Amino acid sequence: MKKAKVALTVAAVACAGLLLSCGGKNAASAKKITLDLSGEDGIAGWEPFKERVTISVPVYDRGKAGYPAVDNNYWTNYVQKQFGDAWNITVKYVAIPRTDVMTKYSMLIAAHDTPTILMEYDYPKVAQWATDGAMQEIDLASFKHIAPTYYQRMVDNDQLGYTKLQGKDFFVLAERPYYNASFNSQTFCRMDWLRKVGYDHPPKSYAEYCDAMDKIIAAGLTDQPPVGFGIPTAAYVQNFAFRDFPANEEEWAMHSSLGTASLSWEPTRRLLKRTNREYHKGYLTKEFELDLDGKQIQTDFINGKIFSYGNYMSPSVDWLNAFYAKNPDAELALVDGYQGVDGEEIKVPQGRADNPFGMIVGFSSFADADQLKAAWMYMEWMSQSENLFVMQNGFEGVTYKIGDDGYPSMFNLEGTGKPEMLNNNDNKDMWCIVVEVKTRKTVEDSIKAIAPQNLPQDFTNDMIEGNKLARENAAKGWSYTDPIFAVAIESESEYTATLFSLYQEYFTKLVKCDPAEFDTLYEKFSKEYLDAGYQEIIDERLQAYKKGLTTHLPEISRKK
C-alpha cells in the first residue's frame, strides 16, 4: 500500500509537469492579467458581474468525525448567499486532504482543473506550482485596487518582500500575528501520573523527563509504552534543538526545510540517536510504524494509555473533550516546551520560529480576468472585519455568548445537530486565507480567543506564560525560520516523494536497531539517501543561497 501511494504521488506530479510543459506556462513566461484600475478602490467600486462567474476555493479536509463535508455545509452556503449571490459569483469549494495535499493538487493541475485559488503554508510547494506553470503572475496594482484591505494587511505586516519568484509577483500572503512565538498548538501531559511518581510540575529538563518516564513505567500507570509515537507523516524534521549554535548559515540553507527530510545532516543524526535510545528504554510505542496518520496516538491519549498529546487549539477541542469524558478524574498540564534541554545533544533551546505569513496564496494560470477579479473580491470580502468576525464566531446566542471580557465565548455544539455549528477550529480552514489565528487587541487576549473552554481545567494563563517565554527566547536569537528561496528548487520536485518514502523506511530501522549498530547503519543509510537525490537538492539549495536567492536571511550566524 505504501509503495502504491508513493508511486501514485510520483505519477501525479510527473503528469502535472508533463501537461503543464505542453499546454501551460512556466514561471518565467507566465501570463499576467492587468485589470481596469478606474473607479473607486475596494468594495465601493465593485459591480455584479453581468454573466455568472464561477471560482473554486480550496479547503482542507482533515477527516474530522462529527463535522459536515468541508465543501458543502452551512458556512459554505453562507458565503455563497452573503458574497457570491450579491456579485453574481458561484463559489465552489474544493476539498484538499490535509494529509495528502500535494497529490490532490497535482491531480487537479494535471487535469487542467486547478482551483482558481491555490494556497498552502509551505513556500517550496507554491514556488514549485508557480515554476511548473500552475500559477499566473499577479499585477499587484490591480490586486490593490480590487482588494485594498487585504493588500494593506501585507504592507502593515512587512510581507511584500515575499511575493516574488524569479523577480515576478506570484503570491499574496495571509497574516500570521505574533509570529515570533506560536501559541495555537499546545501539548498536554498527565499531571496526575506525575504526581503519583513524585513530581509537582511537568519535567523542566531532559533529566527530569527521563526520570519521570522511568518511574511511570515502573509504577505500571499504563500497560503500554508511555510515549505515543508514530512514523513521520511529513518530511519536516524537528531537529532545531539538536543544531549547533550559533548556526552555520550554509548548512541552514542546505538542510533546513519543510519539504525534504534532512537525514544526512548531523542534527538529524543526533535526534535519531536520542530517539533510538528512548525506544530501547521502553518509552516509545513499539510498533510505531503502523500508525501512518498519527490518529492512533490521539486515540491512545483519549483512552488514558499514554503520557502526552498535542495539537491545535480552539475554544472547543474535540480530543480534549473526549479525554475528560473518558478520564473524569484526570489532571492535565501543559508540557514545558524546553524540557529536552540539558541532554548531551542539546545545549541551547533552539526552535523554529513561525514564518511572517500564514497562507501563501496564488492564482490558477487557467483563470481568466473575471475569475481572477472574483477571487480577489472573495478575499477582500473575507477581510472585512464584520465578515471575518461572523466566519470566526458565528452568531450571538447561537454559536457564542459575549463573555465578561467583552469577547465571544464559544458554545460547544458538537453532537447537537445545529447546522450553524462551525467547522473544525471555528471555520479556520475557510478564513485562513486572510489570517492564521483569531486576533484581539493584545497577544494575551488573542491567546484567550483560542484557549479551550468548558473543560474541568483552565489552561489560558499557562498558554500565556508559555508564549511569553517563547517570545523571550526568540528575542535571544534561539528561534529562526527555514530559508525561503526566491526560486523553486527543481530537484526537490523531482526527488521529494522518493526521499520521503526512504526517510520513513530508514527512520523506522534506525529507531528500532540495536544501539550498538546505530552509527554503522546511519552512515550506510545517509550515503544511500544522498545518492537517491538528496545530494542534488542540497547542492542546488546551496547554489541558490550563494546567489542571494533567499528571501529571508536571519542573523543566526551572528547571534550568541
Protein backbone atom coordinates (compact mmCIF):
# COMPACT_ATOMS: atom_id res chain seq x y z
CA MET A 1 0.00 0.00 0.00
CA LYS A 2 2.79 2.40 0.89
CA LYS A 3 4.63 1.74 -2.38
CA ALA A 4 1.43 2.21 -4.33
CA LYS A 5 0.78 5.54 -2.63
CA VAL A 6 4.29 6.78 -3.38
CA ALA A 7 4.01 5.64 -6.99
CA LEU A 8 0.72 7.47 -7.33
CA THR A 9 2.24 10.65 -5.94
CA VAL A 10 5.20 10.49 -8.31
CA ALA A 11 2.93 9.74 -11.26
CA ALA A 12 0.62 12.62 -10.43
CA VAL A 13 3.48 15.08 -10.11
CA ALA A 14 5.09 13.82 -13.32
CA CYS A 15 1.77 14.02 -15.14
CA ALA A 16 1.20 17.55 -13.90
CA GLY A 17 4.62 18.63 -15.04
CA LEU A 18 4.17 17.00 -18.47
CA LEU A 19 0.80 18.59 -19.12
CA LEU A 20 1.93 21.99 -17.98
CA SER A 21 5.05 21.85 -20.08
CA CYS A 22 2.93 21.06 -23.13
CA GLY A 23 -0.02 23.36 -22.55
CA GLY A 24 0.81 25.67 -19.66
CA LYS A 25 3.24 28.43 -18.77
CA ASN A 26 6.35 28.32 -16.65
CA ALA A 27 7.21 30.97 -14.10
CA ALA A 28 9.45 32.89 -16.49
CA SER A 29 6.73 33.22 -19.14
CA ALA A 30 3.56 33.14 -17.01
CA LYS A 31 0.63 35.20 -18.19
CA LYS A 32 -0.21 38.38 -16.34
CA ILE A 33 -3.69 39.94 -16.28
CA THR A 34 -3.98 43.65 -15.61
CA LEU A 35 -7.46 44.78 -14.63
CA ASP A 36 -9.16 48.13 -15.18
CA LEU A 37 -7.98 50.43 -12.38
CA SER A 38 -10.64 53.09 -12.89
CA GLY A 39 -13.32 53.74 -10.29
CA GLU A 40 -13.13 53.51 -6.52
CA ASP A 41 -10.83 51.05 -4.79
CA GLY A 42 -12.32 48.06 -3.00
CA ILE A 43 -15.94 47.09 -2.44
CA ALA A 44 -17.22 50.59 -3.17
CA GLY A 45 -16.08 50.19 -6.77
CA TRP A 46 -17.45 46.68 -7.35
CA GLU A 47 -20.42 45.84 -9.53
CA PRO A 48 -22.10 42.43 -10.01
CA PHE A 49 -20.76 40.53 -12.99
CA LYS A 50 -23.09 40.66 -16.00
CA GLU A 51 -22.62 36.93 -16.57
CA ARG A 52 -22.23 34.36 -13.80
CA VAL A 53 -18.60 33.78 -12.81
CA THR A 54 -17.51 30.57 -11.06
CA ILE A 55 -14.45 30.42 -8.83
CA SER A 56 -13.08 27.42 -6.95
CA VAL A 57 -11.53 27.76 -3.50
CA PRO A 58 -9.53 25.01 -1.74
CA VAL A 59 -10.38 24.00 1.81
CA TYR A 60 -8.54 21.39 3.86
CA ASP A 61 -10.36 18.16 4.62
CA ARG A 62 -8.98 16.93 7.93
CA GLY A 63 -11.27 13.91 8.15
CA LYS A 64 -12.82 15.08 11.42
CA ALA A 65 -15.64 12.89 12.65
CA GLY A 66 -18.88 14.64 13.54
CA TYR A 67 -18.43 17.51 11.09
CA PRO A 68 -20.22 18.02 7.75
CA ALA A 69 -18.45 17.85 4.39
CA VAL A 70 -15.92 20.67 4.19
CA ASP A 71 -17.03 21.61 0.67
CA ASN A 72 -20.79 21.68 1.39
CA ASN A 73 -22.08 22.89 4.74
CA TYR A 74 -23.87 25.75 6.43
CA TRP A 75 -20.87 28.05 6.18
CA THR A 76 -20.02 27.38 2.53
CA ASN A 77 -23.67 28.13 1.79
CA TYR A 78 -23.45 31.26 3.95
CA VAL A 79 -20.54 32.55 1.86
CA GLN A 80 -22.48 31.85 -1.31
CA LYS A 81 -25.54 33.74 -0.09
CA GLN A 82 -23.75 36.68 1.51
CA PHE A 83 -20.94 37.12 -1.00
CA GLY A 84 -21.49 35.10 -4.15
CA ASP A 85 -25.12 35.91 -4.83
CA ALA A 86 -24.51 39.62 -4.24
CA TRP A 87 -21.92 39.80 -7.04
CA ASN A 88 -23.21 37.07 -9.38
CA ILE A 89 -20.40 34.69 -8.43
CA THR A 90 -20.62 30.96 -7.78
CA VAL A 91 -18.16 29.92 -5.06
CA LYS A 92 -17.21 26.27 -5.38
CA TYR A 93 -15.15 24.77 -2.55
CA VAL A 94 -12.65 22.01 -3.34
CA ALA A 95 -11.75 19.54 -0.58
CA ILE A 96 -7.98 19.03 -0.22
CA PRO A 97 -6.98 16.10 2.06
CA ARG A 98 -4.71 17.62 4.69
CA THR A 99 -2.54 14.52 4.83
CA ASP A 100 -2.04 14.35 1.05
CA VAL A 101 -2.03 17.93 -0.19
CA MET A 102 0.49 17.56 -2.99
CA THR A 103 -1.14 14.51 -4.60
CA LYS A 104 -4.56 16.17 -4.72
CA TYR A 105 -3.23 19.43 -6.11
CA SER A 106 -1.07 17.59 -8.64
CA MET A 107 -4.06 15.64 -9.93
CA LEU A 108 -6.15 18.81 -10.23
CA ILE A 109 -3.33 20.58 -12.07
CA ALA A 110 -2.75 17.64 -14.40
CA ALA A 111 -6.47 17.51 -15.24
CA HIS A 112 -6.48 21.26 -16.01
CA ASP A 113 -8.95 21.58 -13.14
CA THR A 114 -6.74 23.77 -10.97
CA PRO A 115 -8.69 25.71 -8.33
CA THR A 116 -8.91 29.42 -9.07
CA ILE A 117 -7.10 29.94 -5.79
CA LEU A 118 -4.11 27.80 -4.79
CA MET A 119 -2.86 28.15 -1.24
CA GLU A 120 -0.51 26.38 1.10
CA TYR A 121 1.64 27.12 4.14
CA ASP A 122 4.90 25.83 2.66
CA TYR A 123 6.79 28.16 0.35
CA PRO A 124 8.58 25.37 -1.56
CA LYS A 125 5.24 23.89 -2.61
CA VAL A 126 3.76 27.09 -4.00
CA ALA A 127 7.08 28.02 -5.60
CA GLN A 128 7.06 24.72 -7.45
CA TRP A 129 3.47 25.21 -8.61
CA ALA A 130 4.41 28.60 -10.00
CA THR A 131 7.56 27.26 -11.64
CA ASP A 132 5.60 24.40 -13.22
CA GLY A 133 3.16 26.87 -14.73
CA ALA A 134 0.17 26.22 -12.49
CA MET A 135 0.02 29.86 -11.35
CA GLN A 136 -0.14 33.14 -13.21
CA GLU A 137 1.83 36.28 -12.46
CA ILE A 138 -0.02 38.86 -10.35
CA ASP A 139 -0.34 42.54 -11.14
CA LEU A 140 -0.19 43.86 -7.59
CA ALA A 141 -1.54 47.27 -8.62
CA SER A 142 -4.69 45.51 -9.87
CA PHE A 143 -4.86 43.41 -6.72
CA LYS A 144 -4.55 46.51 -4.55
CA HIS A 145 -7.37 48.18 -6.48
CA ILE A 146 -9.76 45.23 -6.02
CA ALA A 147 -8.61 44.14 -2.53
CA PRO A 148 -7.15 47.20 -0.74
CA THR A 149 -7.86 45.86 2.76
CA TYR A 150 -6.00 42.61 2.06
CA TYR A 151 -3.15 44.49 0.39
CA GLN A 152 -2.79 46.89 3.30
CA ARG A 153 -2.51 43.94 5.69
CA MET A 154 0.52 42.78 3.71
CA VAL A 155 2.05 46.26 3.89
CA ASP A 156 1.41 46.52 7.63
CA ASN A 157 2.99 43.10 8.22
CA ASP A 158 6.04 43.76 6.00
CA GLN A 159 5.18 40.87 3.66
CA LEU A 160 5.74 42.42 0.24
CA GLY A 161 9.27 41.03 0.16
CA TYR A 162 7.84 37.51 -0.09
CA THR A 163 5.53 37.94 -3.10
CA LYS A 164 8.14 37.41 -5.81
CA LEU A 165 9.52 34.37 -7.58
CA GLN A 166 12.21 34.84 -10.23
CA GLY A 167 11.66 38.58 -9.91
CA LYS A 168 7.91 38.44 -10.63
CA ASP A 169 4.93 38.70 -8.26
CA PHE A 170 3.15 35.37 -7.89
CA PHE A 171 1.86 35.37 -4.32
CA VAL A 172 -0.15 37.31 -1.81
CA LEU A 173 0.08 36.32 1.83
CA ALA A 174 -2.21 35.91 4.79
CA GLU A 175 -1.40 37.48 8.13
CA ARG A 176 0.30 35.48 10.87
CA PRO A 177 0.10 37.53 14.08
CA TYR A 178 2.86 37.37 16.69
CA TYR A 179 4.88 35.02 14.54
CA ASN A 180 7.91 35.11 16.85
CA ALA A 181 6.30 32.53 19.07
CA SER A 182 3.38 30.37 18.02
CA PHE A 183 0.63 29.74 20.53
CA ASN A 184 -2.05 27.95 18.53
CA SER A 185 -0.62 24.47 19.14
CA GLN A 186 -0.16 23.02 22.61
CA THR A 187 0.95 19.72 24.11
CA PHE A 188 -0.67 18.34 27.26
CA CYS A 189 0.68 15.75 29.70
CA ARG A 190 -0.75 13.63 32.52
CA MET A 191 -0.08 15.70 35.61
CA ASP A 192 -1.90 13.13 37.74
CA TRP A 193 0.62 10.49 36.66
CA LEU A 194 3.48 12.81 37.51
CA ARG A 195 2.10 13.42 40.99
CA LYS A 196 1.94 9.66 41.57
CA VAL A 197 5.67 9.35 40.86
CA GLY A 198 6.75 12.33 42.96
CA TYR A 199 6.55 15.37 40.64
CA ASP A 200 4.54 18.52 41.32
CA HIS A 201 5.36 20.03 37.89
CA PRO A 202 5.89 18.85 34.31
CA PRO A 203 9.52 17.92 33.58
CA LYS A 204 11.68 21.00 33.08
CA SER A 205 14.78 19.23 31.77
CA TYR A 206 15.68 16.11 29.87
CA ALA A 207 16.99 14.50 33.03
CA GLU A 208 13.65 15.06 34.76
CA TYR A 209 11.78 13.79 31.71
CA CYS A 210 13.72 10.51 31.60
CA ASP A 211 13.38 10.07 35.37
CA ALA A 212 9.63 10.61 35.14
CA MET A 213 9.22 8.14 32.27
CA ASP A 214 11.27 5.51 34.12
CA LYS A 215 9.10 5.93 37.21
CA ILE A 216 5.82 5.88 35.26
CA ILE A 217 6.86 2.60 33.65
CA ALA A 218 7.97 1.13 36.98
CA ALA A 219 4.69 2.18 38.64
CA GLY A 220 2.66 0.45 35.93
CA LEU A 221 0.50 3.50 35.26
CA THR A 222 -0.10 2.26 31.72
CA ASP A 223 0.01 -1.17 30.11
CA GLN A 224 1.97 0.10 27.09
CA PRO A 225 4.95 2.41 26.49
CA PRO A 226 4.00 5.81 27.94
CA VAL A 227 5.04 7.97 24.99
CA GLY A 228 2.78 7.90 21.94
CA PHE A 229 4.94 7.68 18.84
CA GLY A 230 4.26 7.27 15.14
CA ILE A 231 6.07 7.14 11.83
CA PRO A 232 6.77 10.61 10.37
CA THR A 233 3.78 11.81 8.34
CA ALA A 234 5.62 14.83 6.91
CA ALA A 235 9.14 15.40 5.67
CA TYR A 236 9.85 18.18 8.15
CA VAL A 237 12.40 17.06 10.75
CA GLN A 238 12.06 18.67 14.19
CA ASN A 239 15.79 18.93 14.74
CA PHE A 240 16.19 22.64 15.58
CA ALA A 241 17.08 21.86 19.17
CA PHE A 242 19.84 19.49 18.05
CA ARG A 243 21.67 22.04 15.90
CA ASP A 244 24.92 23.75 16.81
CA PHE A 245 24.61 27.34 17.97
CA PRO A 246 25.33 29.76 16.52
CA ALA A 247 24.07 28.04 13.39
CA ASN A 248 26.06 27.81 10.20
CA GLU A 249 24.14 29.70 7.51
CA GLU A 250 25.29 27.47 4.65
CA GLU A 251 24.15 24.36 6.50
CA TRP A 252 20.89 26.13 7.31
CA ALA A 253 20.33 26.92 3.63
CA MET A 254 21.17 23.38 2.54
CA HIS A 255 19.24 21.33 5.07
CA SER A 256 16.63 23.36 6.97
CA SER A 257 13.46 22.60 5.04
CA LEU A 258 9.78 21.88 5.43
CA GLY A 259 9.77 19.92 2.19
CA THR A 260 12.64 17.41 2.35
CA ALA A 261 13.84 15.38 5.32
CA SER A 262 17.47 16.13 6.22
CA LEU A 263 18.51 12.55 7.01
CA SER A 264 22.24 13.02 6.41
CA TRP A 265 22.58 16.24 8.46
CA GLU A 266 24.31 15.93 11.83
CA PRO A 267 21.42 17.43 13.85
CA THR A 268 19.14 14.74 12.44
CA ARG A 269 21.65 12.07 13.42
CA ARG A 270 21.62 13.41 16.99
CA LEU A 271 17.83 13.42 17.06
CA LEU A 272 17.58 9.87 15.74
CA LYS A 273 20.20 8.57 18.15
CA ARG A 274 18.32 10.01 21.12
CA THR A 275 15.10 8.52 19.76
CA ASN A 276 16.78 5.12 19.37
CA ARG A 277 17.90 5.27 22.98
CA GLU A 278 14.39 6.19 24.18
CA TYR A 279 12.86 3.38 22.16
CA HIS A 280 15.09 0.80 23.77
CA LYS A 281 14.36 2.24 27.23
CA GLY A 282 10.72 1.35 26.60
CA TYR A 283 9.38 4.89 26.32
CA LEU A 284 8.02 4.77 22.75
CA THR A 285 5.22 2.86 21.03
CA LYS A 286 6.65 -0.48 19.94
CA GLU A 287 5.03 -0.82 16.51
CA PHE A 288 5.02 2.91 15.79
CA GLU A 289 5.49 2.41 12.04
CA LEU A 290 1.92 1.10 11.79
CA ASP A 291 0.48 4.50 12.74
CA LEU A 292 0.51 6.04 9.27
CA ASP A 293 -1.56 9.13 10.05
CA GLY A 294 -0.95 9.88 13.74
CA LYS A 295 -4.53 9.09 14.71
CA GLN A 296 -3.60 6.15 16.95
CA ILE A 297 -1.64 8.47 19.25
CA GLN A 298 -4.67 10.66 19.73
CA THR A 299 -6.87 7.61 20.39
CA ASP A 300 -4.41 6.26 22.93
CA PHE A 301 -4.31 9.60 24.74
CA ILE A 302 -8.11 9.84 24.87
CA ASN A 303 -8.24 6.31 26.28
CA GLY A 304 -5.76 7.18 29.04
CA LYS A 305 -2.97 4.99 27.67
CA ILE A 306 -0.15 7.50 27.07
CA PHE A 307 1.51 10.38 28.84
CA SER A 308 1.07 13.28 26.42
CA TYR A 309 -0.51 14.54 23.23
CA GLY A 310 -0.62 17.86 21.40
CA ASN A 311 -2.44 19.55 18.54
CA TYR A 312 -4.07 22.81 17.52
CA MET A 313 -6.15 24.82 19.95
CA SER A 314 -9.62 26.33 19.68
CA PRO A 315 -12.41 27.07 22.16
CA SER A 316 -13.73 23.55 21.56
CA VAL A 317 -11.09 20.83 21.17
CA ASP A 318 -12.75 17.52 20.39
CA TRP A 319 -9.94 15.29 21.66
CA LEU A 320 -9.70 17.19 24.97
CA ASN A 321 -13.47 16.94 25.42
CA ALA A 322 -13.26 13.21 24.71
CA PHE A 323 -10.29 12.78 27.06
CA TYR A 324 -12.08 14.28 30.06
CA ALA A 325 -15.24 12.31 29.25
CA LYS A 326 -13.21 9.09 29.39
CA ASN A 327 -10.96 10.17 32.28
CA PRO A 328 -13.10 12.42 34.52
CA ASP A 329 -10.66 12.32 37.44
CA ALA A 330 -7.54 13.05 35.36
CA GLU A 331 -5.41 16.16 35.70
CA LEU A 332 -3.54 17.62 32.72
CA ALA A 333 -0.78 20.21 32.43
CA LEU A 334 0.97 21.91 29.53
CA VAL A 335 4.30 20.37 28.60
CA ASP A 336 7.30 22.61 29.17
CA GLY A 337 8.50 23.36 25.66
CA TYR A 338 12.12 23.29 26.75
CA GLN A 339 12.20 20.06 28.73
CA GLY A 340 14.55 18.44 26.21
CA VAL A 341 17.42 20.78 27.01
CA ASP A 342 20.43 19.60 29.06
CA GLY A 343 20.83 16.27 27.35
CA GLU A 344 24.20 15.60 25.78
CA GLU A 345 22.84 16.59 22.33
CA ILE A 346 21.11 19.85 23.28
CA LYS A 347 22.76 22.84 24.92
CA VAL A 348 20.67 25.82 23.71
CA PRO A 349 16.86 25.70 23.39
CA GLN A 350 16.66 26.46 19.68
CA GLY A 351 13.33 26.26 17.92
CA ARG A 352 11.60 27.03 14.66
CA ALA A 353 10.05 30.48 14.51
CA ASP A 354 6.85 30.89 12.55
CA ASN A 355 7.11 32.44 9.11
CA PRO A 356 5.99 36.08 8.96
CA PHE A 357 2.98 34.96 6.96
CA GLY A 358 0.25 32.36 7.11
CA MET A 359 -1.22 31.00 3.89
CA ILE A 360 0.71 31.72 0.69
CA VAL A 361 -1.91 32.38 -1.97
CA GLY A 362 -1.58 32.19 -5.77
CA PHE A 363 -3.98 32.02 -8.68
CA SER A 364 -4.51 29.44 -11.40
CA SER A 365 -2.87 30.02 -14.77
CA PHE A 366 -6.19 28.89 -16.27
CA ALA A 367 -8.21 31.63 -14.53
CA ASP A 368 -9.49 34.37 -16.83
CA ALA A 369 -9.77 38.04 -15.94
CA ASP A 370 -13.28 37.73 -14.44
CA GLN A 371 -12.32 34.70 -12.34
CA LEU A 372 -9.19 36.43 -11.12
CA LYS A 373 -11.16 39.52 -10.17
CA ALA A 374 -13.84 37.40 -8.45
CA ALA A 375 -11.16 35.55 -6.44
CA TRP A 376 -9.69 38.84 -5.27
CA MET A 377 -13.19 40.09 -4.39
CA TYR A 378 -13.70 36.93 -2.32
CA MET A 379 -10.50 37.61 -0.38
CA GLU A 380 -11.39 41.26 0.17
CA TRP A 381 -14.91 40.35 1.34
CA MET A 382 -13.46 37.84 3.80
CA SER A 383 -11.03 40.54 5.02
CA GLN A 384 -13.79 42.89 6.15
CA SER A 385 -13.90 42.87 9.94
CA GLU A 386 -17.65 42.23 10.13
CA ASN A 387 -17.47 39.28 7.74
CA LEU A 388 -14.34 37.82 9.33
CA PHE A 389 -15.96 38.08 12.76
CA VAL A 390 -19.03 36.08 11.68
CA MET A 391 -16.91 33.47 9.90
CA GLN A 392 -14.78 33.03 13.03
CA ASN A 393 -17.52 33.13 15.65
CA GLY A 394 -20.95 32.65 14.11
CA PHE A 395 -23.98 34.32 15.67
CA GLU A 396 -24.56 35.57 19.20
CA GLY A 397 -26.92 33.33 21.14
CA VAL A 398 -26.49 30.52 18.60
CA THR A 399 -22.77 29.74 18.49
CA TYR A 400 -21.41 32.08 21.18
CA LYS A 401 -22.22 34.44 24.01
CA ILE A 402 -20.35 37.58 24.99
CA GLY A 403 -18.15 36.80 27.98
CA ASP A 404 -17.25 39.01 30.89
CA ASP A 405 -14.21 40.21 28.96
CA GLY A 406 -16.40 41.51 26.15
CA TYR A 407 -15.28 38.87 23.67
CA PRO A 408 -17.22 35.91 22.22
CA SER A 409 -17.31 32.80 24.38
CA MET A 410 -17.95 29.86 22.06
CA PHE A 411 -20.59 27.20 22.73
CA ASN A 412 -19.71 23.55 22.26
CA LEU A 413 -22.21 22.50 19.59
CA GLU A 414 -20.66 19.11 18.80
CA GLY A 415 -23.36 16.47 18.65
CA THR A 416 -26.20 18.99 18.93
CA GLY A 417 -27.19 18.76 15.28
CA LYS A 418 -27.35 22.54 14.95
CA PRO A 419 -26.50 23.45 11.34
CA GLU A 420 -24.75 26.65 12.45
CA MET A 421 -22.04 24.66 14.24
CA LEU A 422 -18.73 25.99 12.99
CA ASN A 423 -16.41 23.67 11.10
CA ASN A 424 -13.15 22.39 12.57
CA ASN A 425 -11.25 25.01 14.60
CA ASP A 426 -14.03 27.58 14.24
CA ASN A 427 -14.04 27.55 10.42
CA LYS A 428 -10.26 28.04 10.44
CA ASP A 429 -9.74 26.34 7.07
CA MET A 430 -12.07 28.87 5.43
CA TRP A 431 -10.80 32.14 6.91
CA CYS A 432 -7.12 31.16 6.99
CA ILE A 433 -6.87 32.78 3.55
CA VAL A 434 -6.90 36.08 5.49
CA VAL A 435 -5.32 35.43 8.88
CA GLU A 436 -3.82 32.43 10.68
CA VAL A 437 -5.42 32.83 14.11
CA LYS A 438 -8.18 34.81 15.74
CA THR A 439 -6.79 38.15 16.79
CA ARG A 440 -7.70 40.56 19.55
CA LYS A 441 -6.21 43.77 20.89
CA THR A 442 -3.31 42.09 22.72
CA VAL A 443 -1.33 38.86 22.50
CA GLU A 444 -2.87 37.79 25.79
CA ASP A 445 -6.40 38.42 24.57
CA SER A 446 -5.63 36.63 21.31
CA ILE A 447 -4.48 33.57 23.23
CA LYS A 448 -7.68 33.70 25.28
CA ALA A 449 -9.61 33.60 21.99
CA ILE A 450 -8.30 30.14 21.13
CA ALA A 451 -7.85 28.70 24.63
CA PRO A 452 -10.04 25.60 25.20
CA GLN A 453 -13.23 26.37 27.08
CA ASN A 454 -15.81 24.42 29.05
CA LEU A 455 -13.23 21.95 30.40
CA PRO A 456 -12.62 20.85 34.03
CA GLN A 457 -9.34 22.79 33.88
CA ASP A 458 -8.48 26.23 32.51
CA PHE A 459 -5.17 26.43 30.62
CA THR A 460 -5.38 30.04 29.47
CA ASN A 461 -2.81 31.52 31.85
CA ASP A 462 -0.39 28.66 31.23
CA MET A 463 -0.68 29.26 27.47
CA ILE A 464 0.02 32.97 28.01
CA GLU A 465 3.09 32.28 30.17
CA GLY A 466 4.41 29.71 27.71
CA ASN A 467 4.05 32.14 24.83
CA LYS A 468 5.81 34.86 26.81
CA LEU A 469 8.79 32.57 27.43
CA ALA A 470 8.88 31.55 23.77
CA ARG A 471 8.94 35.18 22.66
CA GLU A 472 11.76 35.92 25.09
CA ASN A 473 13.79 33.05 23.68
CA ALA A 474 13.06 34.18 20.13
CA ALA A 475 14.40 37.62 21.03
CA LYS A 476 17.67 35.95 22.06
CA GLY A 477 18.04 34.52 18.57
CA TRP A 478 17.17 30.99 19.63
CA SER A 479 14.26 30.77 17.19
CA TYR A 480 14.52 31.29 13.44
CA THR A 481 12.74 30.14 10.31
CA ASP A 482 13.69 27.83 7.49
CA PRO A 483 15.17 29.53 4.40
CA ILE A 484 12.69 30.82 1.85
CA PHE A 485 14.07 30.80 -1.68
CA ALA A 486 13.03 33.26 -4.37
CA VAL A 487 13.38 30.47 -6.90
CA ALA A 488 11.97 26.94 -6.99
CA ILE A 489 14.45 24.20 -6.07
CA GLU A 490 13.80 21.96 -9.08
CA SER A 491 15.47 18.86 -7.67
CA GLU A 492 13.08 18.90 -4.70
CA SER A 493 10.15 18.41 -7.04
CA GLU A 494 11.98 15.54 -8.73
CA TYR A 495 13.13 13.63 -5.64
CA THR A 496 10.97 14.63 -2.66
CA ALA A 497 8.38 11.84 -2.92
CA THR A 498 11.03 9.13 -3.25
CA LEU A 499 13.14 10.59 -0.47
CA PHE A 500 10.21 10.81 1.92
CA SER A 501 9.44 7.13 1.40
CA LEU A 502 13.10 6.32 2.05
CA TYR A 503 13.13 8.54 5.12
CA GLN A 504 10.18 6.71 6.63
CA GLU A 505 11.89 3.36 5.98
CA TYR A 506 15.28 4.44 7.33
CA PHE A 507 13.72 6.28 10.27
CA THR A 508 11.96 3.10 11.40
CA LYS A 509 15.08 0.96 11.09
CA LEU A 510 17.31 3.48 12.84
CA VAL A 511 14.95 3.91 15.77
CA LYS A 512 14.49 0.15 16.21
CA CYS A 513 18.01 -1.08 15.53
CA ASP A 514 20.37 -2.32 18.23
CA PRO A 515 22.02 0.82 19.70
CA ALA A 516 25.41 -0.75 19.08
CA GLU A 517 24.62 -0.88 15.34
CA PHE A 518 23.18 2.62 15.05
CA ASP A 519 26.28 4.51 13.87
CA THR A 520 27.16 1.99 11.16
CA LEU A 521 23.57 1.79 9.92
CA TYR A 522 23.17 5.55 9.95
CA GLU A 523 26.30 6.01 7.85
CA LYS A 524 25.03 3.44 5.32
CA PHE A 525 21.56 4.98 5.06
CA SER A 526 22.93 8.51 4.80
CA LYS A 527 25.03 7.59 1.77
CA GLU A 528 22.09 5.85 0.12
CA TYR A 529 19.87 8.85 0.84
CA LEU A 530 22.37 11.28 -0.67
CA ASP A 531 22.72 9.07 -3.74
CA ALA A 532 18.93 8.87 -4.12
CA GLY A 533 18.72 12.61 -4.84
CA TYR A 534 19.34 14.45 -1.59
CA GLN A 535 22.84 15.45 -2.68
CA GLU A 536 21.39 17.19 -5.73
CA ILE A 537 18.86 19.01 -3.56
CA ILE A 538 21.37 20.36 -1.06
CA ASP A 539 23.77 21.34 -3.86
CA GLU A 540 21.01 23.28 -5.61
CA ARG A 541 19.90 24.93 -2.38
CA LEU A 542 23.47 25.96 -1.55
CA GLN A 543 23.92 27.42 -5.03
CA ALA A 544 20.72 29.45 -4.65
CA TYR A 545 21.89 30.70 -1.26
CA LYS A 546 25.24 31.80 -2.66
CA LYS A 547 23.44 33.69 -5.45
CA GLY A 548 21.44 35.60 -2.84
CA LEU A 549 18.16 33.94 -3.80
CA THR A 550 16.87 33.57 -0.27
CA THR A 551 14.09 35.96 0.68
CA HIS A 552 14.83 35.61 4.37
CA LEU A 553 18.26 35.60 5.99
CA PRO A 554 18.11 35.52 9.80
CA GLU A 555 21.24 36.70 11.52
CA ILE A 556 21.68 33.26 13.03
CA SER A 557 25.43 33.21 12.43
CA ARG A 558 25.86 36.34 14.49
CA LYS A 559 23.60 35.51 17.42
CA LYS A 560 25.33 34.50 20.62
